[in-house]
Protein backbone atom coordinates (compact mmCIF):
# COMPACT_ATOMS: atom_id res chain seq x y z
CA UNK A 1 47.30 52.11 6.48
CA UNK A 2 49.89 53.07 9.07
CA UNK A 3 48.30 56.55 9.49
CA UNK A 4 44.80 55.12 9.91
CA UNK A 5 46.19 52.62 12.67
CA UNK A 6 47.95 55.46 14.47
CA UNK A 7 44.73 57.66 14.29
CA UNK A 8 42.60 54.77 15.77
CA UNK A 9 45.05 54.34 18.57
CA UNK A 10 45.10 57.99 19.38
CA UNK A 11 41.27 57.98 19.62
CA UNK A 12 41.39 54.98 21.90
CA UNK A 13 44.07 56.75 24.10
CA UNK A 14 41.78 59.78 24.28
CA UNK A 15 38.70 57.89 25.12
CA UNK A 16 40.31 55.41 27.57
CA UNK A 17 42.01 58.08 29.61
CA UNK A 18 45.05 55.86 29.35
CA UNK A 19 44.06 53.46 31.97
CA UNK A 20 46.10 51.36 31.99
CA UNK A 21 47.43 52.45 28.60
CA UNK A 22 47.04 49.22 26.80
CA UNK A 23 46.92 50.85 23.30
CA UNK A 24 50.46 52.43 23.86
CA UNK A 25 51.82 49.28 25.12
CA UNK A 26 50.34 47.24 22.29
CA UNK A 27 51.37 49.75 19.52
CA UNK A 28 54.97 50.00 20.87
CA UNK A 29 55.23 46.27 21.04
CA UNK A 30 53.96 45.70 17.60
CA UNK A 31 56.15 48.17 16.20
CA UNK A 32 59.27 46.76 18.00
CA UNK A 33 58.49 43.37 16.53
CA UNK A 34 58.14 44.64 13.13
CA UNK A 35 61.24 46.84 13.29
CA UNK A 36 63.40 43.91 14.68
CA UNK A 37 62.08 41.57 12.12
CA UNK A 38 62.81 44.17 9.35
CA UNK A 39 66.21 44.75 10.72
CA UNK A 40 67.12 40.97 10.84
CA UNK A 41 65.91 40.52 7.24
CA UNK A 42 68.04 43.51 6.13
CA UNK A 43 71.13 42.20 7.99
CA UNK A 44 70.78 38.65 6.52
CA UNK A 45 70.29 39.98 3.05
CA UNK A 46 73.32 42.38 2.93
CA UNK A 47 76.45 40.50 1.87
CA UNK A 48 78.38 43.82 1.98
CA UNK A 49 77.88 46.03 4.96
CA UNK A 50 78.49 48.98 2.93
CA UNK A 51 77.04 48.50 -0.47
CA UNK A 52 74.57 45.78 0.37
CA UNK A 53 70.88 46.76 -0.47
CA UNK A 54 67.33 45.65 0.72
CA UNK A 55 64.25 47.78 0.19
CA UNK A 56 63.07 47.50 3.84
CA UNK A 57 65.99 49.87 4.81
CA UNK A 58 64.18 52.77 3.19
CA UNK A 59 60.46 51.69 3.25
CA UNK A 60 60.24 50.69 6.92
CA UNK A 61 61.30 54.30 7.76
CA UNK A 62 57.88 55.57 6.59
CA UNK A 63 56.38 53.49 9.40
CA UNK A 64 58.56 55.01 12.04
CA UNK A 65 57.54 58.72 11.24
CA UNK A 66 53.88 58.35 12.27
CA UNK A 67 54.90 56.00 15.12
CA UNK A 68 57.22 58.52 16.62
CA UNK A 69 54.70 61.18 16.48
CA UNK A 70 52.03 58.91 18.01
CA UNK A 71 54.32 57.78 20.82
CA UNK A 72 55.18 61.41 21.70
CA UNK A 73 51.73 62.39 21.87
CA UNK A 74 50.48 59.25 23.62
CA UNK A 75 53.15 60.11 26.35
CA UNK A 76 51.77 63.39 26.77
CA UNK A 77 48.13 62.13 27.02
CA UNK A 78 49.21 59.49 29.53
CA UNK A 79 50.95 62.08 31.87
CA UNK A 80 48.04 64.50 31.37
CA UNK A 81 45.32 62.04 32.51
CA UNK A 82 47.58 60.60 35.34
CA UNK A 83 47.92 64.13 36.74
CA UNK A 84 43.93 64.55 36.49
CA UNK A 85 43.50 61.31 38.36
CA UNK A 86 45.80 62.34 41.02
CA UNK A 87 43.86 65.65 41.57
CA UNK A 88 46.81 67.93 41.27
CA UNK A 89 46.45 71.49 41.90
CA UNK A 90 46.97 72.35 38.24
CA UNK A 91 46.76 70.31 35.05
CA UNK A 92 49.93 69.07 33.33
CA UNK A 93 51.25 71.83 30.90
CA UNK A 94 53.17 70.97 27.77
CA UNK A 95 56.21 72.90 29.23
CA UNK A 96 56.29 70.69 32.40
CA UNK A 97 55.90 67.49 30.16
CA UNK A 98 58.75 68.50 27.96
CA UNK A 99 60.91 69.33 31.15
CA UNK A 100 60.30 66.05 32.80
CA UNK A 101 60.70 63.96 29.58
CA UNK A 102 63.30 66.00 27.86
CA UNK A 103 65.61 62.93 27.18
CA UNK A 104 62.89 60.78 25.52
CA UNK A 105 61.48 63.79 23.56
CA UNK A 106 65.06 64.51 22.35
CA UNK A 107 65.49 60.99 21.38
CA UNK A 108 62.27 61.04 19.30
CA UNK A 109 63.09 64.26 17.79
CA UNK A 110 66.61 63.17 16.68
CA UNK A 111 65.01 60.23 15.09
CA UNK A 112 62.44 62.25 13.20
CA UNK A 113 64.65 65.19 12.15
CA UNK A 114 68.18 63.59 12.00
CA UNK A 115 67.98 59.85 11.47
CA UNK A 116 65.07 59.81 9.03
CA UNK A 117 66.70 62.23 6.60
CA UNK A 118 69.88 60.33 6.83
CA UNK A 119 68.21 57.00 6.30
CA UNK A 120 66.14 58.22 3.39
CA UNK A 121 68.39 60.67 1.53
CA UNK A 122 71.77 61.76 2.85
CA UNK A 123 73.48 58.33 2.84
CA UNK A 124 72.86 57.78 -0.78
CA UNK A 125 72.76 54.05 -1.61
CA UNK A 126 75.02 52.94 1.10
CA UNK A 127 74.76 51.53 4.55
CA UNK A 128 71.46 49.49 4.52
CA UNK A 129 73.27 46.87 6.77
CA UNK A 130 73.78 49.50 9.46
CA UNK A 131 70.15 50.76 9.15
CA UNK A 132 69.02 47.19 9.76
CA UNK A 133 71.25 46.97 12.86
CA UNK A 134 69.57 50.18 14.28
CA UNK A 135 66.15 48.63 13.59
CA UNK A 136 67.00 45.71 15.83
CA UNK A 137 67.59 47.97 18.81
CA UNK A 138 63.77 47.75 19.27
CA UNK A 139 64.06 44.21 20.33
CA UNK A 140 63.99 45.21 24.15
CA UNK A 141 60.76 47.27 23.78
CA UNK A 142 58.27 44.49 24.28
CA UNK A 143 59.80 43.51 27.51
CA UNK A 144 59.93 47.08 28.78
CA UNK A 145 56.26 47.34 27.79
CA UNK A 146 55.40 44.11 29.71
CA UNK A 147 57.13 45.36 32.73
CA UNK A 148 55.06 48.56 32.75
CA UNK A 149 51.76 46.43 32.43
CA UNK A 150 52.98 44.12 35.27
CA UNK A 151 53.58 47.23 37.40
CA UNK A 152 50.11 48.65 36.57
CA UNK A 153 48.73 45.16 37.58
CA UNK A 154 50.93 45.36 40.88
CA UNK A 155 52.83 42.16 40.00
CA UNK A 156 56.22 43.42 40.87
CA UNK A 157 56.96 40.61 43.16
CA UNK A 158 55.97 37.71 40.86
CA UNK A 159 58.38 35.39 39.11
CA UNK A 160 57.15 36.59 35.76
CA UNK A 161 58.11 40.19 36.57
CA UNK A 162 61.69 39.17 37.60
CA UNK A 163 62.18 36.92 34.55
CA UNK A 164 61.03 39.69 32.30
CA UNK A 165 63.36 41.98 34.06
CA UNK A 166 66.26 39.79 33.20
CA UNK A 167 65.17 39.49 29.54
CA UNK A 168 64.82 43.33 29.51
CA UNK A 169 68.35 43.92 30.64
CA UNK A 170 69.81 41.21 28.25
CA UNK A 171 67.94 42.53 25.19
CA UNK A 172 68.74 46.11 25.99
CA UNK A 173 72.42 45.26 26.66
CA UNK A 174 72.70 43.24 23.37
CA UNK A 175 70.69 45.28 21.02
CA UNK A 176 71.14 48.81 22.23
CA UNK A 177 74.71 48.79 23.57
CA UNK A 178 76.71 45.88 22.28
CA UNK A 179 75.07 46.62 18.87
CA UNK A 180 77.55 49.35 18.19
CA UNK A 181 80.65 47.38 18.77
CA UNK A 182 79.10 44.79 16.65
CA UNK A 183 78.57 47.30 13.71
CA UNK A 184 82.22 48.40 14.00
CA UNK A 185 83.36 44.66 14.22
CA UNK A 186 81.17 43.82 11.04
CA UNK A 187 82.81 46.74 9.09
CA UNK A 188 86.31 45.71 10.36
CA UNK A 189 85.84 42.02 9.51
CA UNK A 190 85.00 42.97 6.01
CA UNK A 191 87.85 45.38 5.62
CA UNK A 192 90.49 43.21 7.30
CA UNK A 193 90.63 45.57 10.34
CA UNK A 194 90.61 45.01 13.96
CA UNK A 195 87.95 46.35 16.15
CA UNK A 196 90.29 49.01 17.51
CA UNK A 197 91.31 50.06 14.07
CA UNK A 198 87.89 50.77 12.75
CA UNK A 199 87.15 54.08 14.58
CA UNK A 200 90.30 55.54 12.99
CA UNK A 201 89.47 54.31 9.46
CA UNK A 202 85.99 55.59 9.26
CA UNK A 203 84.64 59.29 8.78
CA UNK A 204 84.86 61.29 12.00
CA UNK A 205 81.26 62.25 11.90
CA UNK A 206 80.24 58.47 11.98
CA UNK A 207 81.87 58.09 15.35
CA UNK A 208 80.30 61.30 16.70
CA UNK A 209 76.94 60.13 15.40
CA UNK A 210 77.31 56.74 17.04
CA UNK A 211 78.52 58.42 20.45
CA UNK A 212 75.29 60.51 20.43
CA UNK A 213 73.20 57.42 19.76
CA UNK A 214 74.87 55.22 22.47
CA UNK A 215 75.11 57.72 25.06
CA UNK A 216 71.39 57.83 26.13
CA UNK A 217 71.22 54.02 25.83
CA UNK A 218 73.96 53.63 28.38
CA UNK A 219 72.12 56.09 30.66
CA UNK A 220 68.82 54.25 30.36
CA UNK A 221 70.52 50.87 30.82
CA UNK A 222 72.18 52.29 34.13
CA UNK A 223 68.67 53.07 35.27
CA UNK A 224 67.31 49.65 34.38
CA UNK A 225 70.20 48.03 36.41
CA UNK A 226 69.49 50.13 39.45
CA UNK A 227 65.90 49.19 39.29
CA UNK A 228 66.89 45.46 38.89
CA UNK A 229 69.20 45.74 41.92
CA UNK A 230 66.45 47.19 44.06
CA UNK A 231 64.10 44.48 43.02
CA UNK A 232 66.52 41.62 43.72
CA UNK A 233 67.87 43.13 47.01
CA UNK A 234 64.28 43.71 48.42
CA UNK A 235 63.73 39.99 49.50
CA UNK A 236 67.23 39.79 51.12
CA UNK A 237 66.87 43.16 52.95
CA UNK A 238 63.51 41.92 54.32
CA UNK A 239 65.23 38.64 55.44
CA UNK A 240 68.02 40.48 57.19
CA UNK A 241 65.55 42.79 58.82
């Protein structure tokens, strides 16, 4: 069913020339809602953060695989058609696309080739709680998607756009950055450790993996903050001028 839905959306993208990219926004938002809901169910179902089990922790990963493939290809199609609409001297090549979107493509590749095998096989029967936490990181995606739609509709100076921007920052901060201290705190709370003690009591590779996961999130959050500052500084700048 998931594969059929993805194929339909790909056909829609190809036929619509990605103007304004509604199918990409819709699929991303639906996936985010499903992932966040699954994550919350998993978290609430695991009484033990290490050995607690819930079937969604493994089964939902099968939804992520076709979605990540779809999202990467949809990004390429959007850029390709955007370049065509702007009458550029030469059409967008795969190499230039990968160069300009290297961080996002790397993010998708890490999920597909690292996190999926870890979530499905390498972790054994442990850590469903933490998988659920990672799923909730998608909570900010619908707000990011709405922001893109409002930009396409040239509604950047509306109250809705500003409120959505605040919600984007809040959900991104909570579910993509503060999420990691929350996972450390949850483990420490169960083991009788303080938050500062946890990094020294868990395997070193866990700290390394979390560092790799949070690093791009901090970078993207800084970009969102800069964009928000420009947005809210604009009226004041016009007034001063």
